[in-house]
Amino acid sequence: KGDSFVCSIAAASIVAKVERDAIMCELDARYPGYGFAHHMGYATRRHFAAIREHGPSPVHRRSFAPVRAAARGELDRQIALPTLATSD
């Protein structure tokens, strides 16, 4: 919530997001098929479908329970829930 009150925190947040998005685009080129440039690493249905199809890439955090579940071919209940508006 600091970015609502302090301009330097807000600016740092924007810089961090832009840098993270650039890294995700680089990972998309390095690991095609995972859609990193589309979902930017966020937990989307498309992202976990790619993990189920291809297995976790070397950059996936295997300690994250939804990644472990997707690697086993299982659906994560929260990610599998339908939404009213989706960009997947």
PDB file of N, CA and C in Angstrom:
ATOM      1  N   LYS A   1       0.807  -1.201   0.000  1.00  0.00           N
ATOM      2  CA  LYS A   1       0.000   0.000   0.000  1.00  0.00           C
ATOM      3  C   LYS A   1       0.848   1.262   0.000  1.00  0.00           C
ATOM      4  N   GLY A   2       2.144   1.107   0.230  1.00  0.00           N
ATOM      5  CA  GLY A   2       3.015   2.272   0.255  1.00  0.00           C
ATOM      6  C   GLY A   2       3.021   3.030  -1.048  1.00  0.00           C
ATOM      7  N   ASP A   3       2.794   2.325  -2.165  1.00  0.00           N
ATOM      8  CA  ASP A   3       2.829   3.017  -3.454  1.00  0.00           C
ATOM      9  C   ASP A   3       1.671   3.996  -3.619  1.00  0.00           C
ATOM     10  N   SER A   4       0.660   3.894  -2.761  1.00  0.00           N
ATOM     11  CA  SER A   4      -0.443   4.853  -2.790  1.00  0.00           C
ATOM     12  C   SER A   4      -0.065   6.171  -2.131  1.00  0.00           C
ATOM     13  N   PHE A   5       0.981   6.147  -1.307  1.00  0.00           N
ATOM     14  CA  PHE A   5       1.340   7.321  -0.521  1.00  0.00           C
ATOM     15  C   PHE A   5       2.706   7.907  -0.856  1.00  0.00           C
ATOM     16  N   VAL A   6       3.621   7.101  -1.354  1.00  0.00           N
ATOM     17  CA  VAL A   6       4.995   7.551  -1.574  1.00  0.00           C
ATOM     18  C   VAL A   6       5.350   7.355  -3.048  1.00  0.00           C
ATOM     19  N   CYS A   7       5.666   8.457  -3.714  1.00  0.00           N
ATOM     20  CA  CYS A   7       5.947   8.405  -5.159  1.00  0.00           C
ATOM     21  C   CYS A   7       7.127   7.501  -5.496  1.00  0.00           C
ATOM     22  N   SER A   8       8.162   7.492  -4.659  1.00  0.00           N
ATOM     23  CA  SER A   8       9.331   6.661  -4.978  1.00  0.00           C
ATOM     24  C   SER A   8       8.988   5.176  -4.903  1.00  0.00           C
ATOM     25  N   ILE A   9       8.086   4.806  -4.001  1.00  0.00           N
ATOM     26  CA  ILE A   9       7.654   3.405  -3.928  1.00  0.00           C
ATOM     27  C   ILE A   9       6.837   3.062  -5.172  1.00  0.00           C
ATOM     28  N   ALA A  10       5.959   3.967  -5.578  1.00  0.00           N
ATOM     29  CA  ALA A  10       5.154   3.733  -6.782  1.00  0.00           C
ATOM     30  C   ALA A  10       6.048   3.592  -8.007  1.00  0.00           C
ATOM     31  N   ALA A  11       7.054   4.455  -8.109  1.00  0.00           N
ATOM     32  CA  ALA A  11       7.974   4.391  -9.252  1.00  0.00           C
ATOM     33  C   ALA A  11       8.756   3.086  -9.251  1.00  0.00           C
ATOM     34  N   ALA A  12       9.239   2.676  -8.080  1.00  0.00           N
ATOM     35  CA  ALA A  12       9.990   1.419  -7.982  1.00  0.00           C
ATOM     36  C   ALA A  12       9.112   0.236  -8.370  1.00  0.00           C
ATOM     37  N   SER A  13       7.845   0.284  -8.004  1.00  0.00           N
ATOM     38  CA  SER A  13       6.916  -0.790  -8.352  1.00  0.00           C
ATOM     39  C   SER A  13       6.746  -0.893  -9.864  1.00  0.00           C
ATOM     40  N   ILE A  14       6.644   0.246 -10.525  1.00  0.00           N
ATOM     41  CA  ILE A  14       6.503   0.252 -11.988  1.00  0.00           C
ATOM     42  C   ILE A  14       7.765  -0.274 -12.655  1.00  0.00           C
ATOM     43  N   VAL A  15       8.926   0.190 -12.188  1.00  0.00           N
ATOM     44  CA  VAL A  15      10.200  -0.273 -12.757  1.00  0.00           C
ATOM     45  C   VAL A  15      10.337  -1.783 -12.580  1.00  0.00           C
ATOM     46  N   ALA A  16       9.982  -2.284 -11.396  1.00  0.00           N
ATOM     47  CA  ALA A  16      10.090  -3.723 -11.131  1.00  0.00           C
ATOM     48  C   ALA A  16       9.179  -4.517 -12.061  1.00  0.00           C
ATOM     49  N   LYS A  17       7.947  -4.034 -12.284  1.00  0.00           N
ATOM     50  CA  LYS A  17       7.025  -4.753 -13.160  1.00  0.00           C
ATOM     51  C   LYS A  17       7.530  -4.759 -14.602  1.00  0.00           C
ATOM     52  N   VAL A  18       8.033  -3.632 -15.073  1.00  0.00           N
ATOM     53  CA  VAL A  18       8.554  -3.564 -16.437  1.00  0.00           C
ATOM     54  C   VAL A  18       9.735  -4.518 -16.598  1.00  0.00           C
ATOM     55  N   GLU A  19      10.630  -4.549 -15.616  1.00  0.00           N
ATOM     56  CA  GLU A  19      11.788  -5.453 -15.669  1.00  0.00           C
ATOM     57  C   GLU A  19      11.334  -6.914 -15.639  1.00  0.00           C
ATOM     58  N   ARG A  20      10.378  -7.217 -14.769  1.00  0.00           N
ATOM     59  CA  ARG A  20       9.862  -8.591 -14.677  1.00  0.00           C
ATOM     60  C   ARG A  20       9.226  -9.018 -15.999  1.00  0.00           C
ATOM     61  N   ASP A  21       8.439  -8.130 -16.605  1.00  0.00           N
ATOM     62  CA  ASP A  21       7.815  -8.449 -17.888  1.00  0.00           C
ATOM     63  C   ASP A  21       8.870  -8.704 -18.965  1.00  0.00           C
ATOM     64  N   ALA A  22       9.954  -7.930 -18.951  1.00  0.00           N
ATOM     65  CA  ALA A  22      11.042  -8.142 -19.921  1.00  0.00           C
ATOM     66  C   ALA A  22      11.691  -9.507 -19.709  1.00  0.00           C
ATOM     67  N   ILE A  23      11.886  -9.875 -18.455  1.00  0.00           N
ATOM     68  CA  ILE A  23      12.464 -11.189 -18.143  1.00  0.00           C
ATOM     69  C   ILE A  23      11.530 -12.297 -18.627  1.00  0.00           C
ATOM     70  N   MET A  24      10.224 -12.125 -18.423  1.00  0.00           N
ATOM     71  CA  MET A  24       9.259 -13.133 -18.869  1.00  0.00           C
ATOM     72  C   MET A  24       9.294 -13.283 -20.388  1.00  0.00           C
ATOM     73  N   CYS A  25       9.478 -12.181 -21.117  1.00  0.00           N
ATOM     74  CA  CYS A  25       9.579 -12.265 -22.581  1.00  0.00           C
ATOM     75  C   CYS A  25      10.840 -13.014 -22.997  1.00  0.00           C
ATOM     76  N   GLU A  26      11.937 -12.799 -22.273  1.00  0.00           N
ATOM     77  CA  GLU A  26      13.169 -13.555 -22.550  1.00  0.00           C
ATOM     78  C   GLU A  26      12.964 -15.042 -22.269  1.00  0.00           C
ATOM     79  N   LEU A  27      12.276 -15.353 -21.175  1.00  0.00           N
ATOM     80  CA  LEU A  27      12.006 -16.757 -20.851  1.00  0.00           C
ATOM     81  C   LEU A  27      11.089 -17.391 -21.887  1.00  0.00           C
ATOM     82  N   ASP A  28      10.173 -16.601 -22.447  1.00  0.00           N
ATOM     83  CA  ASP A  28       9.282 -17.106 -23.485  1.00  0.00           C
ATOM     84  C   ASP A  28      10.081 -17.560 -24.701  1.00  0.00           C
ATOM     85  N   ALA A  29      11.123 -16.809 -25.044  1.00  0.00           N
ATOM     86  CA  ALA A  29      11.976 -17.188 -26.178  1.00  0.00           C
ATOM     87  C   ALA A  29      12.820 -18.412 -25.842  1.00  0.00           C
ATOM     88  N   ARG A  30      13.259 -18.503 -24.605  1.00  0.00           N
ATOM     89  CA  ARG A  30      14.121 -19.614 -24.186  1.00  0.00           C
ATOM     90  C   ARG A  30      13.327 -20.910 -24.001  1.00  0.00           C
ATOM     91  N   TYR A  31      12.105 -20.801 -23.511  1.00  0.00           N
ATOM     92  CA  TYR A  31      11.266 -21.977 -23.245  1.00  0.00           C
ATOM     93  C   TYR A  31       9.933 -21.835 -23.982  1.00  0.00           C
ATOM     94  N   PRO A  32       9.935 -22.008 -25.308  1.00  0.00           N
ATOM     95  CA  PRO A  32       8.682 -21.872 -26.061  1.00  0.00           C
ATOM     96  C   PRO A  32       7.685 -22.947 -25.634  1.00  0.00           C
ATOM     97  N   GLY A  33       6.438 -22.608 -25.740  1.00  0.00           N
ATOM     98  CA  GLY A  33       5.396 -23.563 -25.383  1.00  0.00           C
ATOM     99  C   GLY A  33       4.780 -23.296 -24.027  1.00  0.00           C
ATOM    100  N   TYR A  34       5.431 -22.475 -23.217  1.00  0.00           N
ATOM    101  CA  TYR A  34       4.890 -22.179 -21.884  1.00  0.00           C
ATOM    102  C   TYR A  34       4.069 -20.892 -21.856  1.00  0.00           C
ATOM    103  N   GLY A  35       4.242 -20.030 -22.836  1.00  0.00           N
ATOM    104  CA  GLY A  35       3.457 -18.802 -22.904  1.00  0.00           C
ATOM    105  C   GLY A  35       3.844 -17.730 -21.905  1.00  0.00           C
ATOM    106  N   PHE A  36       5.117 -17.705 -21.496  1.00  0.00           N
ATOM    107  CA  PHE A  36       5.546 -16.714 -20.506  1.00  0.00           C
ATOM    108  C   PHE A  36       5.234 -15.285 -20.944  1.00  0.00           C
ATOM    109  N   ALA A  37       5.379 -14.966 -22.230  1.00  0.00           N
ATOM    110  CA  ALA A  37       5.112 -13.605 -22.706  1.00  0.00           C
ATOM    111  C   ALA A  37       3.629 -13.266 -22.610  1.00  0.00           C
ATOM    112  N   HIS A  38       2.777 -14.280 -22.566  1.00  0.00           N
ATOM    113  CA  HIS A  38       1.335 -14.041 -22.467  1.00  0.00           C
ATOM    114  C   HIS A  38       0.902 -13.870 -21.013  1.00  0.00           C
ATOM    115  N   HIS A  39       1.255 -14.826 -20.165  1.00  0.00           N
ATOM    116  CA  HIS A  39       0.764 -14.790 -18.781  1.00  0.00           C
ATOM    117  C   HIS A  39       1.732 -14.130 -17.808  1.00  0.00           C
ATOM    118  N   MET A  40       2.950 -13.810 -18.267  1.00  0.00           N
ATOM    119  CA  MET A  40       3.969 -13.118 -17.470  1.00  0.00           C
ATOM    120  C   MET A  40       4.274 -13.820 -16.146  1.00  0.00           C
ATOM    121  N   GLY A  41       4.068 -15.136 -16.130  1.00  0.00           N
ATOM    122  CA  GLY A  41       4.392 -15.903 -14.934  1.00  0.00           C
ATOM    123  C   GLY A  41       3.267 -16.012 -13.926  1.00  0.00           C
ATOM    124  N   TYR A  42       2.152 -15.350 -14.205  1.00  0.00           N
ATOM    125  CA  TYR A  42       1.031 -15.418 -13.272  1.00  0.00           C
ATOM    126  C   TYR A  42       0.314 -16.763 -13.402  1.00  0.00           C
ATOM    127  N   ALA A  43      -0.408 -17.121 -12.368  1.00  0.00           N
ATOM    128  CA  ALA A  43      -1.086 -18.411 -12.289  1.00  0.00           C
ATOM    129  C   ALA A  43      -2.383 -18.374 -13.094  1.00  0.00           C
ATOM    130  N   THR A  44      -2.271 -18.641 -14.378  1.00  0.00           N
ATOM    131  CA  THR A  44      -3.454 -18.689 -15.238  1.00  0.00           C
ATOM    132  C   THR A  44      -3.715 -20.137 -15.643  1.00  0.00           C
ATOM    133  N   ARG A  45      -4.916 -20.385 -16.109  1.00  0.00           N
ATOM    134  CA  ARG A  45      -5.238 -21.740 -16.572  1.00  0.00           C
ATOM    135  C   ARG A  45      -4.308 -22.147 -17.706  1.00  0.00           C
ATOM    136  N   ARG A  46      -4.031 -21.219 -18.619  1.00  0.00           N
ATOM    137  CA  ARG A  46      -3.154 -21.522 -19.757  1.00  0.00           C
ATOM    138  C   ARG A  46      -1.745 -21.880 -19.276  1.00  0.00           C
ATOM    139  N   HIS A  47      -1.257 -21.158 -18.278  1.00  0.00           N
ATOM    140  CA  HIS A  47       0.079 -21.423 -17.744  1.00  0.00           C
ATOM    141  C   HIS A  47       0.155 -22.843 -17.177  1.00  0.00           C
ATOM    142  N   PHE A  48      -0.816 -23.216 -16.359  1.00  0.00           N
ATOM    143  CA  PHE A  48      -0.773 -24.542 -15.748  1.00  0.00           C
ATOM    144  C   PHE A  48      -1.087 -25.648 -16.744  1.00  0.00           C
ATOM    145  N   ALA A  49      -1.853 -25.331 -17.780  1.00  0.00           N
ATOM    146  CA  ALA A  49      -2.061 -26.320 -18.847  1.00  0.00           C
ATOM    147  C   ALA A  49      -0.736 -26.613 -19.540  1.00  0.00           C
ATOM    148  N   ALA A  50       0.084 -25.579 -19.745  1.00  0.00           N
ATOM    149  CA  ALA A  50       1.398 -25.778 -20.372  1.00  0.00           C
ATOM    150  C   ALA A  50       2.302 -26.622 -19.486  1.00  0.00           C
ATOM    151  N   ILE A  51       2.235 -26.414 -18.173  1.00  0.00           N
ATOM    152  CA  ILE A  51       3.047 -27.235 -17.260  1.00  0.00           C
ATOM    153  C   ILE A  51       2.572 -28.680 -17.304  1.00  0.00           C
ATOM    154  N   ARG A  52       1.250 -28.885 -17.353  1.00  0.00           N
ATOM    155  CA  ARG A  52       0.740 -30.260 -17.448  1.00  0.00           C
ATOM    156  C   ARG A  52       1.193 -30.907 -18.753  1.00  0.00           C
ATOM    157  N   GLU A  53       1.226 -30.132 -19.834  1.00  0.00           N
ATOM    158  CA  GLU A  53       1.595 -30.678 -21.140  1.00  0.00           C
ATOM    159  C   GLU A  53       3.099 -30.922 -21.266  1.00  0.00           C
ATOM    160  N   HIS A  54       3.916 -29.970 -20.828  1.00  0.00           N
ATOM    161  CA  HIS A  54       5.366 -30.032 -21.053  1.00  0.00           C
ATOM    162  C   HIS A  54       6.176 -30.393 -19.813  1.00  0.00           C
ATOM    163  N   GLY A  55       5.527 -30.401 -18.640  1.00  0.00           N
ATOM    164  CA  GLY A  55       6.275 -30.545 -17.397  1.00  0.00           C
ATOM    165  C   GLY A  55       6.857 -29.196 -17.002  1.00  0.00           C
ATOM    166  N   PRO A  56       7.305 -29.055 -15.767  1.00  0.00           N
ATOM    167  CA  PRO A  56       7.876 -27.774 -15.349  1.00  0.00           C
ATOM    168  C   PRO A  56       9.172 -27.481 -16.105  1.00  0.00           C
ATOM    169  N   SER A  57       9.362 -26.227 -16.462  1.00  0.00           N
ATOM    170  CA  SER A  57      10.625 -25.816 -17.082  1.00  0.00           C
ATOM    171  C   SER A  57      11.667 -25.663 -15.972  1.00  0.00           C
ATOM    172  N   PRO A  58      12.917 -25.484 -16.327  1.00  0.00           N
ATOM    173  CA  PRO A  58      13.944 -25.278 -15.295  1.00  0.00           C
ATOM    174  C   PRO A  58      13.707 -24.040 -14.433  1.00  0.00           C
ATOM    175  N   VAL A  59      12.894 -23.089 -14.908  1.00  0.00           N
ATOM    176  CA  VAL A  59      12.669 -21.873 -14.125  1.00  0.00           C
ATOM    177  C   VAL A  59      11.417 -21.933 -13.259  1.00  0.00           C
ATOM    178  N   HIS A  60      10.631 -22.993 -13.375  1.00  0.00           N
ATOM    179  CA  HIS A  60       9.450 -23.113 -12.526  1.00  0.00           C
ATOM    180  C   HIS A  60       9.859 -23.479 -11.105  1.00  0.00           C
ATOM    181  N   ARG A  61       9.180 -22.856 -10.161  1.00  0.00           N
ATOM    182  CA  ARG A  61       9.452 -23.106  -8.740  1.00  0.00           C
ATOM    183  C   ARG A  61       8.683 -24.363  -8.318  1.00  0.00           C
ATOM    184  N   ARG A  62       9.388 -25.452  -8.204  1.00  0.00           N
ATOM    185  CA  ARG A  62       8.755 -26.740  -7.892  1.00  0.00           C
ATOM    186  C   ARG A  62       8.240 -26.824  -6.462  1.00  0.00           C
ATOM    187  N   SER A  63       8.653 -25.902  -5.598  1.00  0.00           N
ATOM    188  CA  SER A  63       8.136 -25.892  -4.231  1.00  0.00           C
ATOM    189  C   SER A  63       6.736 -25.276  -4.168  1.00  0.00           C
ATOM    190  N   PHE A  64       6.272 -24.669  -5.265  1.00  0.00           N
ATOM    191  CA  PHE A  64       4.949 -24.061  -5.330  1.00  0.00           C
ATOM    192  C   PHE A  64       3.933 -25.168  -5.607  1.00  0.00           C
ATOM    193  N   ALA A  65       3.018 -25.384  -4.681  1.00  0.00           N
ATOM    194  CA  ALA A  65       2.095 -26.520  -4.754  1.00  0.00           C
ATOM    195  C   ALA A  65       1.342 -26.609  -6.087  1.00  0.00           C
ATOM    196  N   PRO A  66       0.821 -25.512  -6.646  1.00  0.00           N
ATOM    197  CA  PRO A  66       0.137 -25.645  -7.938  1.00  0.00           C
ATOM    198  C   PRO A  66       1.050 -26.125  -9.065  1.00  0.00           C
ATOM    199  N   VAL A  67       2.330 -25.779  -9.024  1.00  0.00           N
ATOM    200  CA  VAL A  67       3.267 -26.277 -10.038  1.00  0.00           C
ATOM    201  C   VAL A  67       3.449 -27.776  -9.858  1.00  0.00           C
ATOM    202  N   ARG A  68       3.602 -28.226  -8.617  1.00  0.00           N
ATOM    203  CA  ARG A  68       3.729 -29.673  -8.365  1.00  0.00           C
ATOM    204  C   ARG A  68       2.488 -30.407  -8.860  1.00  0.00           C
ATOM    205  N   ALA A  69       1.302 -29.844  -8.574  1.00  0.00           N
ATOM    206  CA  ALA A  69       0.058 -30.487  -9.007  1.00  0.00           C
ATOM    207  C   ALA A  69      -0.024 -30.543 -10.533  1.00  0.00           C
ATOM    208  N   ALA A  70       0.304 -29.441 -11.194  1.00  0.00           N
ATOM    209  CA  ALA A  70       0.255 -29.421 -12.663  1.00  0.00           C
ATOM    210  C   ALA A  70       1.249 -30.406 -13.249  1.00  0.00           C
ATOM    211  N   ALA A  71       2.415 -30.526 -12.634  1.00  0.00           N
ATOM    212  CA  ALA A  71       3.429 -31.467 -13.120  1.00  0.00           C
ATOM    213  C   ALA A  71       2.933 -32.907 -13.016  1.00  0.00           C
ATOM    214  N   ARG A  72       2.052 -33.157 -12.049  1.00  0.00           N
ATOM    215  CA  ARG A  72       1.465 -34.497 -11.900  1.00  0.00           C
ATOM    216  C   ARG A  72       0.227 -34.661 -12.783  1.00  0.00           C
ATOM    217  N   GLY A  73      -0.132 -33.607 -13.528  1.00  0.00           N
ATOM    218  CA  GLY A  73      -1.300 -33.673 -14.399  1.00  0.00           C
ATOM    219  C   GLY A  73      -2.596 -33.345 -13.698  1.00  0.00           C
ATOM    220  N   GLU A  74      -2.513 -32.846 -12.475  1.00  0.00           N
ATOM    221  CA  GLU A  74      -3.712 -32.522 -11.704  1.00  0.00           C
ATOM    222  C   GLU A  74      -4.114 -31.071 -11.947  1.00  0.00           C
ATOM    223  N   LEU A  75      -5.371 -30.774 -11.693  1.00  0.00           N
ATOM    224  CA  LEU A  75      -5.868 -29.406 -11.787  1.00  0.00           C
ATOM    225  C   LEU A  75      -5.841 -28.775 -10.409  1.00  0.00           C
ATOM    226  N   ASP A  76      -5.452 -27.525 -10.343  1.00  0.00           N
ATOM    227  CA  ASP A  76      -5.554 -26.759  -9.106  1.00  0.00           C
ATOM    228  C   ASP A  76      -6.974 -26.204  -9.059  1.00  0.00           C
ATOM    229  N   ARG A  77      -7.682 -26.426  -7.959  1.00  0.00           N
ATOM    230  CA  ARG A  77      -9.092 -26.029  -7.890  1.00  0.00           C
ATOM    231  C   ARG A  77      -9.293 -24.539  -8.136  1.00  0.00           C
ATOM    232  N   GLN A  78      -8.457 -23.691  -7.558  1.00  0.00           N
ATOM    233  CA  GLN A  78      -8.646 -22.252  -7.743  1.00  0.00           C
ATOM    234  C   GLN A  78      -8.383 -21.840  -9.180  1.00  0.00           C
ATOM    235  N   ILE A  79      -7.391 -22.426  -9.797  1.00  0.00           N
ATOM    236  CA  ILE A  79      -7.066 -22.051 -11.168  1.00  0.00           C
ATOM    237  C   ILE A  79      -8.092 -22.620 -12.133  1.00  0.00           C
ATOM    238  N   ALA A  80      -8.683 -23.744 -11.803  1.00  0.00           N
ATOM    239  CA  ALA A  80      -9.649 -24.386 -12.689  1.00  0.00           C
ATOM    240  C   ALA A  80     -11.026 -23.731 -12.620  1.00  0.00           C
ATOM    241  N   LEU A  81     -11.257 -22.864 -11.618  1.00  0.00           N
ATOM    242  CA  LEU A  81     -12.563 -22.234 -11.494  1.00  0.00           C
ATOM    243  C   LEU A  81     -12.839 -21.327 -12.688  1.00  0.00           C
ATOM    244  N   PRO A  82     -14.049 -21.374 -13.222  1.00  0.00           N
ATOM    245  CA  PRO A  82     -14.371 -20.479 -14.332  1.00  0.00           C
ATOM    246  C   PRO A  82     -14.469 -19.040 -13.834  1.00  0.00           C
ATOM    247  N   THR A  83     -14.170 -18.098 -14.692  1.00  0.00           N
ATOM    248  CA  THR A  83     -14.295 -16.683 -14.356  1.00  0.00           C
ATOM    249  C   THR A  83     -15.219 -16.016 -15.355  1.00  0.00           C
ATOM    250  N   LEU A  84     -15.757 -14.880 -14.968  1.00  0.00           N
ATOM    251  CA  LEU A  84     -16.661 -14.164 -15.865  1.00  0.00           C
ATOM    252  C   LEU A  84     -15.915 -13.584 -17.051  1.00  0.00           C
ATOM    253  N   ALA A  85     -14.771 -12.989 -16.786  1.00  0.00           N
ATOM    254  CA  ALA A  85     -13.957 -12.422 -17.864  1.00  0.00           C
ATOM    255  C   ALA A  85     -12.555 -12.976 -17.731  1.00  0.00           C
ATOM    256  N   THR A  86     -12.047 -13.528 -18.799  1.00  0.00           N
ATOM    257  CA  THR A  86     -10.714 -14.113 -18.741  1.00  0.00           C
ATOM    258  C   THR A  86      -9.931 -13.718 -19.973  1.00  0.00           C
ATOM    259  N   SER A  87      -8.636 -13.572 -19.784  1.00  0.00           N
ATOM    260  CA  SER A  87      -7.775 -13.274 -20.931  1.00  0.00           C
ATOM    261  C   SER A  87      -7.030 -14.512 -21.384  1.00  0.00           C
ATOM    262  N   ASP A  88      -7.368 -15.665 -20.809  1.00  0.00           N
ATOM    263  CA  ASP A  88      -6.701 -16.922 -21.188  1.00  0.00           C
ATOM    264  C   ASP A  88      -7.189 -17.346 -22.528  1.00  0.00           C
TER     265      ASP A  88
END
